[in-house]
Amino acid sequence: MKKFFYSFTFAFLMAILFTGVSFAQDTTPPTDDEVNAIASQLYCPVCESTPLDVCPTEACKDWREQIRVMLSEGKSEEEILKYFEAQYGARVLAEPPKKGFYWLIYLLPPAIILLGAVILLRSMKQWTTKPVAESTGTGEVGGDSSPAKDDYVARLEEELKKQK
């Protein structure tokens, strides 16, 4: 019975050791595409408005290497982005977070476009309508009220009444 116990213990220990080795061999280092997929969501800390995946500076090379190490440790894309945001602030993110003050970035442009469209439509409506002639308060159109014209209008109205 002791022989069976020792052989079972030996087999169990070997299985644990070989399983650990086989798991270590199965993990492949992250590819450049995987690293660049995350790096494209970050901006260079040195260059203005340059994505991390295309920036040639040493700082960006170090950041890409750090992303590679974090991926090989098993960290997710979201964890890596949160790490960089915590370290360097939201300015390094290609897409600002949807919280707090940053909501204005998402809401303000559509609101401005909508307001501009409303103003443009109202202006176009005014441009296309014909101007209405102003009344002088005497029943005449226009601002010319001479006594000769008043007599003419009065006679014309009388003639029209007679014909009816």
N, C-alpha and C. Protein backbone atom coordinates (compact mmCIF):
# COMPACT_ATOMS: atom_id res chain seq x y z
N MET A 1 0.80 -1.17 0.00
CA MET A 1 0.00 0.00 0.00
C MET A 1 0.85 1.25 0.00
N LYS A 2 1.99 1.19 0.72
CA LYS A 2 2.88 2.34 0.74
C LYS A 2 3.43 2.61 -0.64
N LYS A 3 3.72 1.57 -1.34
CA LYS A 3 4.27 1.73 -2.69
C LYS A 3 3.27 2.45 -3.59
N PHE A 4 2.00 2.10 -3.45
CA PHE A 4 0.97 2.75 -4.23
C PHE A 4 0.85 4.23 -3.86
N PHE A 5 0.91 4.55 -2.57
CA PHE A 5 0.81 5.92 -2.11
C PHE A 5 1.97 6.75 -2.64
N TYR A 6 3.20 6.22 -2.60
CA TYR A 6 4.36 6.96 -3.10
C TYR A 6 4.28 7.18 -4.62
N SER A 7 3.88 6.17 -5.31
CA SER A 7 3.78 6.32 -6.77
C SER A 7 2.66 7.30 -7.14
N PHE A 8 1.55 7.28 -6.39
CA PHE A 8 0.46 8.22 -6.65
C PHE A 8 0.92 9.66 -6.35
N THR A 9 1.62 9.85 -5.26
CA THR A 9 2.12 11.18 -4.88
C THR A 9 3.11 11.67 -5.92
N PHE A 10 4.01 10.80 -6.35
CA PHE A 10 4.99 11.17 -7.37
C PHE A 10 4.29 11.56 -8.69
N ALA A 11 3.30 10.79 -9.08
CA ALA A 11 2.57 11.08 -10.32
C ALA A 11 1.80 12.40 -10.18
N PHE A 12 1.24 12.65 -9.03
CA PHE A 12 0.50 13.89 -8.80
C PHE A 12 1.44 15.09 -8.86
N LEU A 13 2.58 15.01 -8.23
CA LEU A 13 3.55 16.11 -8.26
C LEU A 13 4.07 16.36 -9.67
N MET A 14 4.32 15.32 -10.41
CA MET A 14 4.80 15.46 -11.79
C MET A 14 3.74 16.11 -12.67
N ALA A 15 2.49 15.73 -12.43
CA ALA A 15 1.40 16.32 -13.22
C ALA A 15 1.30 17.81 -12.95
N ILE A 16 1.46 18.20 -11.70
CA ILE A 16 1.40 19.63 -11.36
C ILE A 16 2.57 20.37 -11.99
N LEU A 17 3.77 19.80 -11.89
CA LEU A 17 4.95 20.47 -12.45
C LEU A 17 4.86 20.59 -13.97
N PHE A 18 4.49 19.54 -14.65
CA PHE A 18 4.42 19.58 -16.11
C PHE A 18 3.26 20.44 -16.61
N THR A 19 2.17 20.47 -15.84
CA THR A 19 1.05 21.32 -16.22
C THR A 19 1.46 22.78 -16.16
N GLY A 20 2.19 23.16 -15.12
CA GLY A 20 2.67 24.54 -15.00
C GLY A 20 3.59 24.90 -16.14
N VAL A 21 4.45 24.00 -16.56
CA VAL A 21 5.37 24.26 -17.65
C VAL A 21 4.61 24.37 -18.95
N SER A 22 3.62 23.52 -19.15
CA SER A 22 2.88 23.57 -20.40
C SER A 22 2.05 24.85 -20.48
N PHE A 23 1.52 25.33 -19.35
CA PHE A 23 0.80 26.61 -19.37
C PHE A 23 1.74 27.75 -19.70
N ALA A 24 2.93 27.71 -19.18
CA ALA A 24 3.89 28.78 -19.45
C ALA A 24 4.27 28.78 -20.93
N GLN A 25 4.32 27.63 -21.56
CA GLN A 25 4.68 27.57 -22.97
C GLN A 25 3.53 28.01 -23.86
N ASP A 26 2.27 27.88 -23.38
CA ASP A 26 1.13 28.23 -24.19
C ASP A 26 0.95 29.75 -24.33
N THR A 27 1.45 30.52 -23.38
CA THR A 27 1.27 31.97 -23.47
C THR A 27 2.25 32.54 -24.48
N THR A 28 1.69 33.22 -25.45
CA THR A 28 2.53 33.85 -26.47
C THR A 28 2.62 35.33 -26.16
N PRO A 29 3.74 35.92 -26.46
CA PRO A 29 3.87 37.36 -26.20
C PRO A 29 2.90 38.14 -27.09
N PRO A 30 2.43 39.27 -26.63
CA PRO A 30 1.48 40.06 -27.43
C PRO A 30 2.12 40.52 -28.73
N THR A 31 1.34 40.51 -29.78
CA THR A 31 1.84 40.94 -31.08
C THR A 31 1.84 42.47 -31.16
N ASP A 32 2.53 42.98 -32.17
CA ASP A 32 2.56 44.43 -32.37
C ASP A 32 1.16 44.97 -32.68
N ASP A 33 0.36 44.18 -33.36
CA ASP A 33 -1.01 44.61 -33.67
C ASP A 33 -1.84 44.78 -32.40
N GLU A 34 -1.69 43.85 -31.46
CA GLU A 34 -2.41 43.95 -30.20
C GLU A 34 -1.97 45.17 -29.41
N VAL A 35 -0.66 45.41 -29.39
CA VAL A 35 -0.12 46.58 -28.68
C VAL A 35 -0.59 47.87 -29.36
N ASN A 36 -0.53 47.90 -30.69
CA ASN A 36 -0.92 49.12 -31.41
C ASN A 36 -2.42 49.37 -31.34
N ALA A 37 -3.22 48.32 -31.18
CA ALA A 37 -4.66 48.52 -31.03
C ALA A 37 -4.97 49.33 -29.77
N ILE A 38 -4.21 49.09 -28.72
CA ILE A 38 -4.38 49.86 -27.49
C ILE A 38 -3.66 51.20 -27.61
N ALA A 39 -2.48 51.20 -28.20
CA ALA A 39 -1.70 52.43 -28.33
C ALA A 39 -2.41 53.46 -29.19
N SER A 40 -3.23 53.02 -30.14
CA SER A 40 -3.95 53.97 -30.99
C SER A 40 -5.03 54.73 -30.21
N GLN A 41 -5.38 54.24 -29.02
CA GLN A 41 -6.37 54.90 -28.19
C GLN A 41 -5.75 55.87 -27.20
N LEU A 42 -4.43 56.03 -27.30
CA LEU A 42 -3.70 56.95 -26.42
C LEU A 42 -2.94 57.97 -27.25
N TYR A 43 -2.68 59.13 -26.66
CA TYR A 43 -1.90 60.17 -27.32
C TYR A 43 -0.53 60.28 -26.67
N CYS A 44 0.44 60.70 -27.47
CA CYS A 44 1.81 60.86 -27.03
C CYS A 44 1.88 61.91 -25.92
N PRO A 45 2.67 61.66 -24.86
CA PRO A 45 2.79 62.65 -23.79
C PRO A 45 3.68 63.83 -24.19
N VAL A 46 4.48 63.66 -25.23
CA VAL A 46 5.44 64.69 -25.64
C VAL A 46 4.92 65.48 -26.84
N CYS A 47 4.49 64.78 -27.88
CA CYS A 47 4.04 65.43 -29.11
C CYS A 47 2.58 65.86 -28.99
N GLU A 48 2.25 66.96 -29.61
CA GLU A 48 0.87 67.46 -29.59
C GLU A 48 0.02 66.71 -30.61
N SER A 49 -1.07 66.13 -30.18
CA SER A 49 -2.07 65.48 -31.04
C SER A 49 -1.48 64.38 -31.94
N THR A 50 -0.59 63.57 -31.39
CA THR A 50 -0.02 62.46 -32.14
C THR A 50 -0.38 61.15 -31.43
N PRO A 51 -1.05 60.25 -32.13
CA PRO A 51 -1.39 58.96 -31.51
C PRO A 51 -0.13 58.18 -31.13
N LEU A 52 -0.24 57.45 -30.06
CA LEU A 52 0.90 56.72 -29.50
C LEU A 52 1.42 55.65 -30.46
N ASP A 53 0.55 55.07 -31.27
CA ASP A 53 0.98 53.98 -32.14
C ASP A 53 1.84 54.43 -33.31
N VAL A 54 1.84 55.72 -33.66
CA VAL A 54 2.63 56.20 -34.79
C VAL A 54 3.74 57.17 -34.38
N CYS A 55 3.83 57.51 -33.12
CA CYS A 55 4.82 58.48 -32.65
C CYS A 55 6.19 57.82 -32.52
N PRO A 56 7.25 58.45 -33.06
CA PRO A 56 8.57 57.83 -33.04
C PRO A 56 9.42 58.19 -31.81
N THR A 57 8.91 58.95 -30.85
CA THR A 57 9.73 59.38 -29.72
C THR A 57 10.04 58.22 -28.78
N GLU A 58 11.07 58.40 -27.96
CA GLU A 58 11.47 57.38 -27.00
C GLU A 58 10.39 57.15 -25.95
N ALA A 59 9.75 58.23 -25.54
CA ALA A 59 8.69 58.10 -24.54
C ALA A 59 7.59 57.17 -25.05
N CYS A 60 7.23 57.32 -26.31
CA CYS A 60 6.18 56.47 -26.88
C CYS A 60 6.64 55.03 -27.02
N LYS A 61 7.90 54.85 -27.37
CA LYS A 61 8.42 53.47 -27.43
C LYS A 61 8.35 52.82 -26.06
N ASP A 62 8.67 53.60 -25.02
CA ASP A 62 8.60 53.07 -23.65
C ASP A 62 7.15 52.74 -23.27
N TRP A 63 6.24 53.61 -23.65
CA TRP A 63 4.82 53.35 -23.35
C TRP A 63 4.33 52.11 -24.06
N ARG A 64 4.71 51.95 -25.33
CA ARG A 64 4.28 50.75 -26.08
C ARG A 64 4.86 49.50 -25.44
N GLU A 65 6.10 49.58 -24.96
CA GLU A 65 6.71 48.43 -24.29
C GLU A 65 5.98 48.15 -22.98
N GLN A 66 5.59 49.18 -22.29
CA GLN A 66 4.84 49.01 -21.05
C GLN A 66 3.48 48.35 -21.34
N ILE A 67 2.85 48.75 -22.43
CA ILE A 67 1.58 48.12 -22.83
C ILE A 67 1.81 46.64 -23.13
N ARG A 68 2.92 46.32 -23.81
CA ARG A 68 3.24 44.93 -24.14
C ARG A 68 3.41 44.11 -22.86
N VAL A 69 4.09 44.67 -21.86
CA VAL A 69 4.31 43.96 -20.59
C VAL A 69 2.98 43.75 -19.87
N MET A 70 2.15 44.78 -19.86
CA MET A 70 0.87 44.67 -19.18
C MET A 70 -0.02 43.63 -19.87
N LEU A 71 0.01 43.58 -21.20
CA LEU A 71 -0.76 42.56 -21.92
C LEU A 71 -0.24 41.16 -21.59
N SER A 72 1.07 41.00 -21.51
CA SER A 72 1.62 39.68 -21.21
C SER A 72 1.31 39.27 -19.78
N GLU A 73 1.07 40.26 -18.90
CA GLU A 73 0.66 39.95 -17.52
C GLU A 73 -0.81 39.56 -17.45
N GLY A 74 -1.54 39.73 -18.55
CA GLY A 74 -2.93 39.33 -18.59
C GLY A 74 -3.91 40.46 -18.33
N LYS A 75 -3.44 41.69 -18.34
CA LYS A 75 -4.34 42.82 -18.11
C LYS A 75 -5.18 43.07 -19.36
N SER A 76 -6.40 43.53 -19.13
CA SER A 76 -7.31 43.80 -20.25
C SER A 76 -7.05 45.20 -20.81
N GLU A 77 -7.64 45.44 -21.97
CA GLU A 77 -7.50 46.74 -22.64
C GLU A 77 -8.03 47.86 -21.74
N GLU A 78 -9.17 47.63 -21.12
CA GLU A 78 -9.78 48.63 -20.24
C GLU A 78 -8.89 48.94 -19.04
N GLU A 79 -8.28 47.92 -18.46
CA GLU A 79 -7.39 48.11 -17.32
C GLU A 79 -6.17 48.94 -17.72
N ILE A 80 -5.64 48.68 -18.89
CA ILE A 80 -4.45 49.41 -19.35
C ILE A 80 -4.80 50.87 -19.59
N LEU A 81 -5.94 51.13 -20.23
CA LEU A 81 -6.35 52.51 -20.49
C LEU A 81 -6.61 53.26 -19.18
N LYS A 82 -7.23 52.58 -18.20
CA LYS A 82 -7.47 53.21 -16.90
C LYS A 82 -6.15 53.50 -16.18
N TYR A 83 -5.17 52.62 -16.34
CA TYR A 83 -3.86 52.85 -15.72
C TYR A 83 -3.23 54.13 -16.29
N PHE A 84 -3.22 54.27 -17.61
CA PHE A 84 -2.62 55.45 -18.21
C PHE A 84 -3.40 56.72 -17.88
N GLU A 85 -4.71 56.61 -17.79
CA GLU A 85 -5.52 57.77 -17.41
C GLU A 85 -5.21 58.18 -15.97
N ALA A 86 -5.04 57.19 -15.08
CA ALA A 86 -4.72 57.49 -13.69
C ALA A 86 -3.33 58.11 -13.56
N GLN A 87 -2.39 57.63 -14.36
CA GLN A 87 -1.01 58.12 -14.29
C GLN A 87 -0.85 59.51 -14.89
N TYR A 88 -1.47 59.76 -16.07
CA TYR A 88 -1.17 60.97 -16.84
C TYR A 88 -2.38 61.87 -17.06
N GLY A 89 -3.54 61.47 -16.61
CA GLY A 89 -4.73 62.28 -16.77
C GLY A 89 -5.49 61.92 -18.04
N ALA A 90 -6.68 62.50 -18.18
CA ALA A 90 -7.56 62.17 -19.31
C ALA A 90 -7.04 62.74 -20.63
N ARG A 91 -6.06 63.64 -20.58
CA ARG A 91 -5.55 64.24 -21.82
C ARG A 91 -4.82 63.23 -22.70
N VAL A 92 -4.40 62.10 -22.15
CA VAL A 92 -3.70 61.10 -22.96
C VAL A 92 -4.65 60.17 -23.70
N LEU A 93 -5.93 60.20 -23.35
CA LEU A 93 -6.90 59.33 -24.01
C LEU A 93 -7.35 59.93 -25.33
N ALA A 94 -7.47 59.11 -26.35
CA ALA A 94 -7.95 59.58 -27.65
C ALA A 94 -9.43 59.93 -27.57
N GLU A 95 -10.18 59.22 -26.77
CA GLU A 95 -11.60 59.49 -26.57
C GLU A 95 -11.80 59.84 -25.11
N PRO A 96 -12.23 61.08 -24.82
CA PRO A 96 -12.41 61.47 -23.42
C PRO A 96 -13.45 60.60 -22.73
N PRO A 97 -13.29 60.41 -21.41
CA PRO A 97 -14.26 59.58 -20.69
C PRO A 97 -15.62 60.26 -20.66
N LYS A 98 -16.67 59.46 -20.62
CA LYS A 98 -18.04 59.98 -20.63
C LYS A 98 -18.52 60.17 -19.20
N LYS A 99 -17.89 61.11 -18.51
CA LYS A 99 -18.28 61.41 -17.13
C LYS A 99 -17.89 62.84 -16.81
N GLY A 100 -18.61 63.42 -15.86
CA GLY A 100 -18.30 64.75 -15.36
C GLY A 100 -18.32 65.83 -16.43
N PHE A 101 -17.32 66.67 -16.39
CA PHE A 101 -17.19 67.81 -17.30
C PHE A 101 -17.07 67.38 -18.76
N TYR A 102 -16.55 66.20 -19.00
CA TYR A 102 -16.31 65.73 -20.36
C TYR A 102 -17.59 65.48 -21.15
N TRP A 103 -18.75 65.42 -20.47
CA TRP A 103 -20.01 65.26 -21.19
C TRP A 103 -20.25 66.43 -22.14
N LEU A 104 -19.73 67.61 -21.80
CA LEU A 104 -19.90 68.77 -22.68
C LEU A 104 -19.28 68.51 -24.05
N ILE A 105 -18.20 67.76 -24.08
CA ILE A 105 -17.55 67.46 -25.35
C ILE A 105 -18.48 66.67 -26.26
N TYR A 106 -19.31 65.84 -25.67
CA TYR A 106 -20.23 65.02 -26.46
C TYR A 106 -21.54 65.75 -26.76
N LEU A 107 -21.98 66.64 -25.88
CA LEU A 107 -23.28 67.28 -26.04
C LEU A 107 -23.22 68.62 -26.77
N LEU A 108 -22.14 69.38 -26.58
CA LEU A 108 -22.06 70.73 -27.14
C LEU A 108 -22.03 70.77 -28.67
N PRO A 109 -21.21 69.97 -29.36
CA PRO A 109 -21.20 70.04 -30.83
C PRO A 109 -22.55 69.75 -31.49
N PRO A 110 -23.29 68.71 -31.10
CA PRO A 110 -24.60 68.52 -31.73
C PRO A 110 -25.56 69.67 -31.42
N ALA A 111 -25.48 70.22 -30.21
CA ALA A 111 -26.36 71.34 -29.86
C ALA A 111 -26.05 72.56 -30.71
N ILE A 112 -24.77 72.82 -30.95
CA ILE A 112 -24.37 73.96 -31.77
C ILE A 112 -24.81 73.75 -33.22
N ILE A 113 -24.65 72.55 -33.72
CA ILE A 113 -25.07 72.25 -35.10
C ILE A 113 -26.59 72.41 -35.23
N LEU A 114 -27.35 71.93 -34.26
CA LEU A 114 -28.80 72.06 -34.29
C LEU A 114 -29.22 73.52 -34.22
N LEU A 115 -28.60 74.30 -33.37
CA LEU A 115 -28.90 75.73 -33.27
C LEU A 115 -28.56 76.45 -34.57
N GLY A 116 -27.43 76.12 -35.17
CA GLY A 116 -27.06 76.71 -36.45
C GLY A 116 -28.04 76.37 -37.54
N ALA A 117 -28.55 75.15 -37.56
CA ALA A 117 -29.53 74.74 -38.57
C ALA A 117 -30.83 75.52 -38.40
N VAL A 118 -31.25 75.71 -37.16
CA VAL A 118 -32.48 76.47 -36.90
C VAL A 118 -32.32 77.92 -37.37
N ILE A 119 -31.19 78.53 -37.03
CA ILE A 119 -30.93 79.91 -37.45
C ILE A 119 -30.88 80.01 -38.97
N LEU A 120 -30.23 79.07 -39.62
CA LEU A 120 -30.13 79.07 -41.07
C LEU A 120 -31.51 78.93 -41.73
N LEU A 121 -32.34 78.02 -41.22
CA LEU A 121 -33.68 77.83 -41.78
C LEU A 121 -34.54 79.09 -41.61
N ARG A 122 -34.47 79.71 -40.45
CA ARG A 122 -35.23 80.93 -40.23
C ARG A 122 -34.75 82.05 -41.15
N SER A 123 -33.45 82.14 -41.34
CA SER A 123 -32.90 83.18 -42.22
C SER A 123 -33.32 82.92 -43.66
N MET A 124 -33.27 81.68 -44.09
CA MET A 124 -33.66 81.35 -45.46
C MET A 124 -35.14 81.64 -45.67
N LYS A 125 -35.96 81.40 -44.66
CA LYS A 125 -37.39 81.68 -44.76
C LYS A 125 -37.61 83.19 -44.94
N GLN A 126 -36.87 84.00 -44.21
CA GLN A 126 -36.99 85.45 -44.35
C GLN A 126 -36.50 85.93 -45.71
N TRP A 127 -35.46 85.32 -46.21
CA TRP A 127 -34.90 85.74 -47.49
C TRP A 127 -35.85 85.42 -48.65
N THR A 128 -36.59 84.32 -48.54
CA THR A 128 -37.43 83.89 -49.65
C THR A 128 -38.83 84.50 -49.65
N THR A 129 -39.30 85.04 -48.53
CA THR A 129 -40.62 85.65 -48.51
C THR A 129 -40.53 87.07 -49.05
N LYS A 130 -41.61 87.49 -49.72
CA LYS A 130 -41.64 88.83 -50.29
C LYS A 130 -41.91 89.83 -49.17
N PRO A 131 -41.28 91.00 -49.24
CA PRO A 131 -41.51 91.99 -48.20
C PRO A 131 -42.93 92.55 -48.30
N VAL A 132 -43.56 92.76 -47.19
CA VAL A 132 -44.91 93.30 -47.13
C VAL A 132 -44.81 94.81 -47.16
N ALA A 133 -45.66 95.47 -48.02
CA ALA A 133 -45.64 96.93 -48.10
C ALA A 133 -46.20 97.51 -46.82
N GLU A 134 -45.59 98.57 -46.36
CA GLU A 134 -46.01 99.18 -45.11
C GLU A 134 -47.23 100.05 -45.36
N SER A 135 -48.16 100.04 -44.43
CA SER A 135 -49.37 100.84 -44.54
C SER A 135 -49.14 102.18 -43.84
N THR A 136 -49.73 103.28 -44.40
CA THR A 136 -49.57 104.60 -43.80
C THR A 136 -50.67 104.92 -42.81
N GLY A 137 -51.61 104.01 -42.66
CA GLY A 137 -52.69 104.22 -41.72
C GLY A 137 -53.91 104.87 -42.38
N THR A 138 -53.83 105.31 -43.62
CA THR A 138 -54.97 105.93 -44.31
C THR A 138 -55.62 104.98 -45.29
N GLY A 139 -55.21 103.74 -45.27
CA GLY A 139 -55.79 102.79 -46.20
C GLY A 139 -55.00 102.72 -47.49
N GLU A 140 -53.97 103.49 -47.59
CA GLU A 140 -53.16 103.49 -48.81
C GLU A 140 -51.92 102.65 -48.59
N VAL A 141 -51.40 102.11 -49.64
CA VAL A 141 -50.15 101.37 -49.60
C VAL A 141 -49.06 102.33 -50.03
N GLY A 142 -48.00 102.34 -49.24
CA GLY A 142 -46.89 103.22 -49.60
C GLY A 142 -46.91 104.46 -48.73
N GLY A 143 -45.92 105.29 -48.90
CA GLY A 143 -45.79 106.46 -48.07
C GLY A 143 -46.16 107.74 -48.79
N ASP A 144 -46.62 107.68 -50.03
CA ASP A 144 -46.91 108.87 -50.82
C ASP A 144 -48.39 109.23 -50.64
N SER A 145 -48.70 110.28 -49.87
CA SER A 145 -50.11 110.68 -49.66
C SER A 145 -50.28 112.15 -50.05
N SER A 146 -50.46 112.39 -51.32
CA SER A 146 -50.68 113.76 -51.81
C SER A 146 -52.18 114.01 -51.94
N PRO A 147 -52.64 115.29 -51.85
CA PRO A 147 -54.07 115.58 -51.95
C PRO A 147 -54.65 115.20 -53.31
N ALA A 148 -53.87 115.33 -54.41
CA ALA A 148 -54.37 114.97 -55.74
C ALA A 148 -54.66 113.48 -55.81
N LYS A 149 -53.82 112.70 -55.19
CA LYS A 149 -54.01 111.26 -55.20
C LYS A 149 -55.23 110.88 -54.36
N ASP A 150 -55.45 111.57 -53.26
CA ASP A 150 -56.62 111.30 -52.41
C ASP A 150 -57.91 111.53 -53.18
N ASP A 151 -57.98 112.62 -53.95
CA ASP A 151 -59.18 112.89 -54.74
C ASP A 151 -59.41 111.80 -55.78
N TYR A 152 -58.36 111.38 -56.40
CA TYR A 152 -58.47 110.34 -57.43
C TYR A 152 -59.00 109.05 -56.83
N VAL A 153 -58.48 108.66 -55.66
CA VAL A 153 -58.90 107.43 -55.02
C VAL A 153 -60.37 107.55 -54.61
N ALA A 154 -60.76 108.69 -54.10
CA ALA A 154 -62.15 108.88 -53.68
C ALA A 154 -63.09 108.76 -54.87
N ARG A 155 -62.75 109.40 -56.01
CA ARG A 155 -63.59 109.32 -57.20
C ARG A 155 -63.66 107.89 -57.72
N LEU A 156 -62.52 107.19 -57.69
CA LEU A 156 -62.48 105.81 -58.17
C LEU A 156 -63.39 104.93 -57.33
N GLU A 157 -63.36 105.10 -56.03
CA GLU A 157 -64.21 104.30 -55.15
C GLU A 157 -65.69 104.58 -55.40
N GLU A 158 -66.03 105.85 -55.67
CA GLU A 158 -67.42 106.18 -55.96
C GLU A 158 -67.88 105.52 -57.25
N GLU A 159 -67.05 105.54 -58.25
CA GLU A 159 -67.38 104.92 -59.54
C GLU A 159 -67.60 103.42 -59.37
N LEU A 160 -66.80 102.82 -58.59
CA LEU A 160 -66.92 101.37 -58.38
C LEU A 160 -68.21 101.05 -57.63
N LYS A 161 -68.59 101.87 -56.70
CA LYS A 161 -69.84 101.63 -55.96
C LYS A 161 -71.04 101.77 -56.86
N LYS A 162 -70.98 102.72 -57.79
CA LYS A 162 -72.11 102.93 -58.71
C LYS A 162 -72.28 101.73 -59.64
N GLN A 163 -71.21 101.11 -60.05
CA GLN A 163 -71.28 99.99 -60.99
C GLN A 163 -71.87 98.74 -60.33
N LYS A 164 -71.84 98.63 -59.10
CA LYS A 164 -72.34 97.42 -58.42
C LYS A 164 -73.77 97.42 -58.26
